Amino acid sequence: MRLVIAPTLFALVSLGLAGCDTGSPPKGQGQAGSGTENAAISAKADVGLESANGMRAALSYGFAGQQAPSAVFKGADGGDVTLADFAGKPILVNLWATWCAPCKAEMPTLDALAALEQDRMAVIVLSQDLAGRPPVDAFFAKAGIKNLEPYTDVDNAMLAAFNNQIALPTTILYDSEGHEVWRVTGGVEWDDAEMAKLLREAT
């Protein structure tokens, strides 16, 4: 993966392009905002990321220090879960959906990352599919996802916690005390050596 310091114009353009490009999401579920407003606020902190497979994303420190949302979502057993349940170690939270092509493209690398980091970090992939578990289970089976739990958020409570200003996919790194370190908008190869360095910024 190449990490490139992003000038303001590139940051704004890449954020606009990084989100899901599969067309319209399911009826009744609006696609999250592009995030360009946030990029304008913190353009100096933005870094353009480009994976070897051509995926582009934008890394931002513009929300560093913010507390993780308390939104409730569902675990694999159907029980209520919040990010506070994973306190005590860094958390990587990926917001995605099965209708989002970049989301699906990066999922195998998130699965690999979950295996690599299982003793140090919680990797949470939180589906925003309104249909809940069925499409997630079908995709996990087809893609051979073995290390990730199928967390679901059919009410889009997590998106609402961010005022629906999150494009899919967005991945946020929190430290062990639940404070944001950085966020990536767009798909990347999460088992890449450069991403490993960035993940070490959370303790």
C-alpha atoms as a PDB file:
ATOM      1  CA  MET A   1       0.000   0.000   0.000  1.00  0.00           C
ATOM      2  CA  ARG A   2       1.172   3.513  -0.711  1.00  0.00           C
ATOM      3  CA  LEU A   3       0.634   6.249   1.872  1.00  0.00           C
ATOM      4  CA  VAL A   4       0.583   9.717   0.361  1.00  0.00           C
ATOM      5  CA  ILE A   5       0.195  12.962   2.304  1.00  0.00           C
ATOM      6  CA  ALA A   6      -2.980  14.376   0.842  1.00  0.00           C
ATOM      7  CA  PRO A   7      -3.311  18.027  -0.111  1.00  0.00           C
ATOM      8  CA  THR A   8      -6.707  19.564   0.553  1.00  0.00           C
ATOM      9  CA  LEU A   9      -8.070  19.032  -2.965  1.00  0.00           C
ATOM     10  CA  PHE A  10      -6.980  15.404  -3.089  1.00  0.00           C
ATOM     11  CA  ALA A  11      -8.463  14.737   0.349  1.00  0.00           C
ATOM     12  CA  LEU A  12     -11.827  16.129  -0.673  1.00  0.00           C
ATOM     13  CA  VAL A  13     -11.887  14.268  -3.974  1.00  0.00           C
ATOM     14  CA  SER A  14     -10.700  10.970  -2.510  1.00  0.00           C
ATOM     15  CA  LEU A  15     -13.293  11.078   0.236  1.00  0.00           C
ATOM     16  CA  GLY A  16     -15.966  11.627  -2.359  1.00  0.00           C
ATOM     17  CA  LEU A  17     -14.731   8.643  -4.363  1.00  0.00           C
ATOM     18  CA  ALA A  18     -13.785   6.360  -1.490  1.00  0.00           C
ATOM     19  CA  GLY A  19     -17.289   5.494  -0.337  1.00  0.00           C
ATOM     20  CA  CYS A  20     -19.499   2.792  -1.694  1.00  0.00           C
ATOM     21  CA  ASP A  21     -19.879   2.991  -5.483  1.00  0.00           C
ATOM     22  CA  THR A  22     -22.476   0.307  -6.105  1.00  0.00           C
ATOM     23  CA  GLY A  23     -25.330   2.704  -6.853  1.00  0.00           C
ATOM     24  CA  SER A  24     -28.325   3.087  -4.600  1.00  0.00           C
ATOM     25  CA  PRO A  25     -28.571   1.196  -1.303  1.00  0.00           C
ATOM     26  CA  PRO A  26     -31.735  -0.769  -0.525  1.00  0.00           C
ATOM     27  CA  LYS A  27     -34.978   1.181  -0.532  1.00  0.00           C
ATOM     28  CA  GLY A  28     -35.518   2.920   2.768  1.00  0.00           C
ATOM     29  CA  GLN A  29     -31.815   3.001   3.611  1.00  0.00           C
ATOM     30  CA  GLY A  30     -30.008   6.134   2.572  1.00  0.00           C
ATOM     31  CA  GLN A  31     -26.353   5.881   1.742  1.00  0.00           C
ATOM     32  CA  ALA A  32     -24.245   7.644   4.328  1.00  0.00           C
ATOM     33  CA  GLY A  33     -22.835  11.084   3.603  1.00  0.00           C
ATOM     34  CA  SER A  34     -19.604  11.512   1.702  1.00  0.00           C
ATOM     35  CA  GLY A  35     -17.730  12.987   4.647  1.00  0.00           C
ATOM     36  CA  THR A  36     -16.396  15.914   2.625  1.00  0.00           C
ATOM     37  CA  GLU A  37     -17.597  18.332   5.289  1.00  0.00           C
ATOM     38  CA  ASN A  38     -15.400  16.573   7.826  1.00  0.00           C
ATOM     39  CA  ALA A  39     -12.464  16.593   5.409  1.00  0.00           C
ATOM     40  CA  ALA A  40     -12.776  20.351   5.009  1.00  0.00           C
ATOM     41  CA  ILE A  41     -12.503  20.750   8.757  1.00  0.00           C
ATOM     42  CA  SER A  42      -9.403  18.593   9.103  1.00  0.00           C
ATOM     43  CA  ALA A  43      -7.785  18.638   5.666  1.00  0.00           C
ATOM     44  CA  LYS A  44      -4.291  19.056   7.128  1.00  0.00           C
ATOM     45  CA  ALA A  45      -4.661  15.722   8.912  1.00  0.00           C
ATOM     46  CA  ASP A  46      -5.878  13.780   5.901  1.00  0.00           C
ATOM     47  CA  VAL A  47      -3.715  11.180   4.219  1.00  0.00           C
ATOM     48  CA  GLY A  48      -4.556   9.486   0.925  1.00  0.00           C
ATOM     49  CA  LEU A  49      -4.255   5.695   0.919  1.00  0.00           C
ATOM     50  CA  GLU A  50      -4.036   3.588  -2.219  1.00  0.00           C
ATOM     51  CA  SER A  51      -3.862  -0.203  -2.070  1.00  0.00           C
ATOM     52  CA  ALA A  52      -1.992  -2.341  -4.562  1.00  0.00           C
ATOM     53  CA  ASN A  53      -5.345  -3.557  -5.923  1.00  0.00           C
ATOM     54  CA  GLY A  54      -6.405   0.010  -6.746  1.00  0.00           C
ATOM     55  CA  MET A  55      -8.716   0.711  -3.805  1.00  0.00           C
ATOM     56  CA  ARG A  56      -8.528   4.270  -2.524  1.00  0.00           C
ATOM     57  CA  ALA A  57      -9.317   5.620   0.892  1.00  0.00           C
ATOM     58  CA  ALA A  58      -8.677   8.631   3.116  1.00  0.00           C
ATOM     59  CA  LEU A  59      -7.179   8.547   6.604  1.00  0.00           C
ATOM     60  CA  SER A  60      -8.233  11.328   8.975  1.00  0.00           C
ATOM     61  CA  TYR A  61      -7.196  12.342  12.482  1.00  0.00           C
ATOM     62  CA  GLY A  62      -9.827  15.077  12.513  1.00  0.00           C
ATOM     63  CA  PHE A  63     -11.947  13.382  15.193  1.00  0.00           C
ATOM     64  CA  ALA A  64      -9.089  12.111  17.374  1.00  0.00           C
ATOM     65  CA  GLY A  65      -9.972  12.046  21.049  1.00  0.00           C
ATOM     66  CA  GLN A  66     -13.729  11.684  20.636  1.00  0.00           C
ATOM     67  CA  GLN A  67     -15.381   9.048  22.801  1.00  0.00           C
ATOM     68  CA  ALA A  68     -16.752   5.944  21.095  1.00  0.00           C
ATOM     69  CA  PRO A  69     -20.548   6.024  20.595  1.00  0.00           C
ATOM     70  CA  SER A  70     -22.784   4.150  23.032  1.00  0.00           C
ATOM     71  CA  ALA A  71     -25.082   2.889  20.246  1.00  0.00           C
ATOM     72  CA  VAL A  72     -26.520  -0.603  20.790  1.00  0.00           C
ATOM     73  CA  PHE A  73     -26.180  -3.284  18.109  1.00  0.00           C
ATOM     74  CA  LYS A  74     -26.602  -7.059  17.931  1.00  0.00           C
ATOM     75  CA  GLY A  75     -24.036  -9.750  18.529  1.00  0.00           C
ATOM     76  CA  ALA A  76     -23.804 -13.139  16.850  1.00  0.00           C
ATOM     77  CA  ASP A  77     -26.096 -14.601  19.521  1.00  0.00           C
ATOM     78  CA  GLY A  78     -28.706 -11.889  18.989  1.00  0.00           C
ATOM     79  CA  GLY A  79     -27.920 -10.152  22.264  1.00  0.00           C
ATOM     80  CA  ASP A  80     -27.340  -6.423  22.743  1.00  0.00           C
ATOM     81  CA  VAL A  81     -23.757  -5.210  22.388  1.00  0.00           C
ATOM     82  CA  THR A  82     -22.021  -1.829  22.707  1.00  0.00           C
ATOM     83  CA  LEU A  83     -18.414  -0.855  22.044  1.00  0.00           C
ATOM     84  CA  ALA A  84     -17.952  -0.436  25.790  1.00  0.00           C
ATOM     85  CA  ASP A  85     -18.149  -4.235  26.025  1.00  0.00           C
ATOM     86  CA  PHE A  86     -14.711  -4.385  24.365  1.00  0.00           C
ATOM     87  CA  ALA A  87     -13.025  -1.865  26.665  1.00  0.00           C
ATOM     88  CA  GLY A  88      -9.509  -2.598  27.838  1.00  0.00           C
ATOM     89  CA  LYS A  89      -7.903  -3.104  24.433  1.00  0.00           C
ATOM     90  CA  PRO A  90      -7.857  -1.155  21.136  1.00  0.00           C
ATOM     91  CA  ILE A  91     -10.943  -1.570  18.964  1.00  0.00           C
ATOM     92  CA  LEU A  92     -11.129  -1.379  15.175  1.00  0.00           C
ATOM     93  CA  VAL A  93     -14.745  -0.781  14.112  1.00  0.00           C
ATOM     94  CA  ASN A  94     -15.689  -1.295  10.471  1.00  0.00           C
ATOM     95  CA  LEU A  95     -19.081  -0.024   9.272  1.00  0.00           C
ATOM     96  CA  TRP A  96     -20.123  -1.895   6.133  1.00  0.00           C
ATOM     97  CA  ALA A  97     -22.996  -3.445   4.171  1.00  0.00           C
ATOM     98  CA  THR A  98     -23.358  -6.382   1.802  1.00  0.00           C
ATOM     99  CA  TRP A  99     -24.592  -4.086  -0.996  1.00  0.00           C
ATOM    100  CA  CYS A 100     -21.318  -2.086  -0.857  1.00  0.00           C
ATOM    101  CA  ALA A 101     -18.595  -3.312  -3.239  1.00  0.00           C
ATOM    102  CA  PRO A 102     -15.569  -1.739  -1.466  1.00  0.00           C
ATOM    103  CA  CYS A 103     -16.906  -3.096   1.839  1.00  0.00           C
ATOM    104  CA  LYS A 104     -16.933  -6.638   0.491  1.00  0.00           C
ATOM    105  CA  ALA A 105     -13.569  -6.238  -1.225  1.00  0.00           C
ATOM    106  CA  GLU A 106     -11.760  -5.377   2.015  1.00  0.00           C
ATOM    107  CA  MET A 107     -13.555  -7.903   4.246  1.00  0.00           C
ATOM    108  CA  PRO A 108     -11.137 -10.828   3.642  1.00  0.00           C
ATOM    109  CA  THR A 109      -8.242  -8.632   4.750  1.00  0.00           C
ATOM    110  CA  LEU A 110     -10.160  -7.591   7.865  1.00  0.00           C
ATOM    111  CA  ASP A 111     -10.713 -11.281   8.533  1.00  0.00           C
ATOM    112  CA  ALA A 112      -6.978 -11.896   8.215  1.00  0.00           C
ATOM    113  CA  LEU A 113      -6.285  -8.925  10.488  1.00  0.00           C
ATOM    114  CA  ALA A 114      -8.649 -10.288  13.136  1.00  0.00           C
ATOM    115  CA  ALA A 115      -6.577 -13.478  13.267  1.00  0.00           C
ATOM    116  CA  LEU A 116      -3.289 -11.582  13.398  1.00  0.00           C
ATOM    117  CA  GLU A 117      -4.419  -9.172  16.124  1.00  0.00           C
ATOM    118  CA  GLN A 118      -6.678 -11.440  18.183  1.00  0.00           C
ATOM    119  CA  ASP A 119      -4.576 -11.081  21.335  1.00  0.00           C
ATOM    120  CA  ARG A 120      -4.112  -7.311  21.088  1.00  0.00           C
ATOM    121  CA  MET A 121      -7.138  -5.767  19.407  1.00  0.00           C
ATOM    122  CA  ALA A 122     -10.870  -6.328  18.886  1.00  0.00           C
ATOM    123  CA  VAL A 123     -11.883  -6.165  15.209  1.00  0.00           C
ATOM    124  CA  ILE A 124     -15.609  -5.393  14.969  1.00  0.00           C
ATOM    125  CA  VAL A 125     -17.322  -5.472  11.573  1.00  0.00           C
ATOM    126  CA  LEU A 126     -20.780  -3.964  11.990  1.00  0.00           C
ATOM    127  CA  SER A 127     -23.218  -4.546   9.139  1.00  0.00           C
ATOM    128  CA  GLN A 128     -25.675  -1.757   8.329  1.00  0.00           C
ATOM    129  CA  ASP A 129     -27.914  -4.076   6.275  1.00  0.00           C
ATOM    130  CA  LEU A 130     -31.577  -3.527   7.091  1.00  0.00           C
ATOM    131  CA  ALA A 131     -32.212  -7.236   6.493  1.00  0.00           C
ATOM    132  CA  GLY A 132     -29.991  -8.184   9.416  1.00  0.00           C
ATOM    133  CA  ARG A 133     -28.144 -11.499   9.607  1.00  0.00           C
ATOM    134  CA  PRO A 134     -29.279 -13.423   6.487  1.00  0.00           C
ATOM    135  CA  PRO A 135     -27.308 -11.410   3.891  1.00  0.00           C
ATOM    136  CA  VAL A 136     -24.324 -11.157   6.242  1.00  0.00           C
ATOM    137  CA  ASP A 137     -24.241 -14.894   6.899  1.00  0.00           C
ATOM    138  CA  ALA A 138     -24.545 -15.603   3.174  1.00  0.00           C
ATOM    139  CA  PHE A 139     -21.663 -13.278   2.330  1.00  0.00           C
ATOM    140  CA  PHE A 140     -19.443 -14.597   5.141  1.00  0.00           C
ATOM    141  CA  ALA A 141     -20.010 -18.150   3.905  1.00  0.00           C
ATOM    142  CA  LYS A 142     -19.289 -17.277   0.280  1.00  0.00           C
ATOM    143  CA  ALA A 143     -16.175 -15.237   1.121  1.00  0.00           C
ATOM    144  CA  GLY A 144     -14.837 -17.758   3.635  1.00  0.00           C
ATOM    145  CA  ILE A 145     -14.864 -15.317   6.556  1.00  0.00           C
ATOM    146  CA  LYS A 146     -13.865 -17.289   9.657  1.00  0.00           C
ATOM    147  CA  ASN A 147     -12.391 -14.902  12.234  1.00  0.00           C
ATOM    148  CA  LEU A 148     -15.011 -12.142  12.342  1.00  0.00           C
ATOM    149  CA  GLU A 149     -18.297 -12.106  14.239  1.00  0.00           C
ATOM    150  CA  PRO A 150     -21.406 -11.138  12.228  1.00  0.00           C
ATOM    151  CA  TYR A 151     -22.407  -8.050  14.223  1.00  0.00           C
ATOM    152  CA  THR A 152     -25.508  -6.313  12.844  1.00  0.00           C
ATOM    153  CA  ASP A 153     -27.136  -2.899  13.204  1.00  0.00           C
ATOM    154  CA  VAL A 154     -30.508  -3.111  11.443  1.00  0.00           C
ATOM    155  CA  ASP A 155     -31.623   0.199  12.982  1.00  0.00           C
ATOM    156  CA  ASN A 156     -28.467   1.957  11.744  1.00  0.00           C
ATOM    157  CA  ALA A 157     -27.964   3.178  15.309  1.00  0.00           C
ATOM    158  CA  MET A 158     -24.230   3.557  14.796  1.00  0.00           C
ATOM    159  CA  LEU A 159     -24.691   5.680  11.683  1.00  0.00           C
ATOM    160  CA  ALA A 160     -27.190   7.818  13.602  1.00  0.00           C
ATOM    161  CA  ALA A 161     -24.595   8.284  16.362  1.00  0.00           C
ATOM    162  CA  PHE A 162     -22.406   9.928  13.736  1.00  0.00           C
ATOM    163  CA  ASN A 163     -25.299  12.099  12.472  1.00  0.00           C
ATOM    164  CA  ASN A 164     -25.386   9.971   9.300  1.00  0.00           C
ATOM    165  CA  GLN A 165     -22.174  11.645   8.141  1.00  0.00           C
ATOM    166  CA  ILE A 166     -20.399   8.335   7.585  1.00  0.00           C
ATOM    167  CA  ALA A 167     -19.787   6.822   4.151  1.00  0.00           C
ATOM    168  CA  LEU A 168     -19.523   3.058   3.794  1.00  0.00           C
ATOM    169  CA  PRO A 169     -17.061   1.616   4.332  1.00  0.00           C
ATOM    170  CA  THR A 170     -15.649   3.607   7.236  1.00  0.00           C
ATOM    171  CA  THR A 171     -13.291   2.064   9.763  1.00  0.00           C
ATOM    172  CA  ILE A 172     -12.477   3.749  13.077  1.00  0.00           C
ATOM    173  CA  LEU A 173      -9.630   2.925  15.439  1.00  0.00           C
ATOM    174  CA  TYR A 174     -10.257   3.456  19.155  1.00  0.00           C
ATOM    175  CA  ASP A 175      -7.678   3.159  21.915  1.00  0.00           C
ATOM    176  CA  SER A 176      -8.158   0.951  24.976  1.00  0.00           C
ATOM    177  CA  GLU A 177     -10.031   3.752  26.748  1.00  0.00           C
ATOM    178  CA  GLY A 178     -12.515   4.199  23.905  1.00  0.00           C
ATOM    179  CA  HIS A 179     -11.093   7.376  22.388  1.00  0.00           C
ATOM    180  CA  GLU A 180     -10.840   7.719  18.615  1.00  0.00           C
ATOM    181  CA  VAL A 181      -7.334   7.624  17.163  1.00  0.00           C
ATOM    182  CA  TRP A 182      -8.148   7.896  13.444  1.00  0.00           C
ATOM    183  CA  ARG A 183     -10.693   6.840  10.848  1.00  0.00           C
ATOM    184  CA  VAL A 184     -10.407   5.535   7.292  1.00  0.00           C
ATOM    185  CA  THR A 185     -13.104   6.240   4.713  1.00  0.00           C
ATOM    186  CA  GLY A 186     -12.946   3.779   1.828  1.00  0.00           C
ATOM    187  CA  GLY A 187     -11.576   0.293   1.345  1.00  0.00           C
ATOM    188  CA  VAL A 188      -7.998  -0.746   2.091  1.00  0.00           C
ATOM    189  CA  GLU A 189      -5.960  -3.924   2.527  1.00  0.00           C
ATOM    190  CA  TRP A 190      -6.015  -4.248   6.303  1.00  0.00           C
ATOM    191  CA  ASP A 191      -3.338  -6.934   6.521  1.00  0.00           C
ATOM    192  CA  ASP A 192      -0.843  -4.674   4.737  1.00  0.00           C
ATOM    193  CA  ALA A 193       2.432  -3.774   6.513  1.00  0.00           C
ATOM    194  CA  GLU A 194       1.701  -0.035   6.312  1.00  0.00           C
ATOM    195  CA  MET A 195      -1.669  -0.521   7.985  1.00  0.00           C
ATOM    196  CA  ALA A 196       0.019  -2.546  10.709  1.00  0.00           C
ATOM    197  CA  LYS A 197       2.131   0.498  11.545  1.00  0.00           C
ATOM    198  CA  LEU A 198      -0.954   2.716  11.739  1.00  0.00           C
ATOM    199  CA  LEU A 199      -2.755   0.237  13.980  1.00  0.00           C
ATOM    200  CA  ARG A 200       0.117   0.450  16.468  1.00  0.00           C
ATOM    201  CA  GLU A 201      -0.899   4.065  17.143  1.00  0.00           C
ATOM    202  CA  ALA A 202      -3.589   2.709  19.492  1.00  0.00           C
ATOM    203  CA  THR A 203      -2.635   1.293  22.872  1.00  0.00           C
END
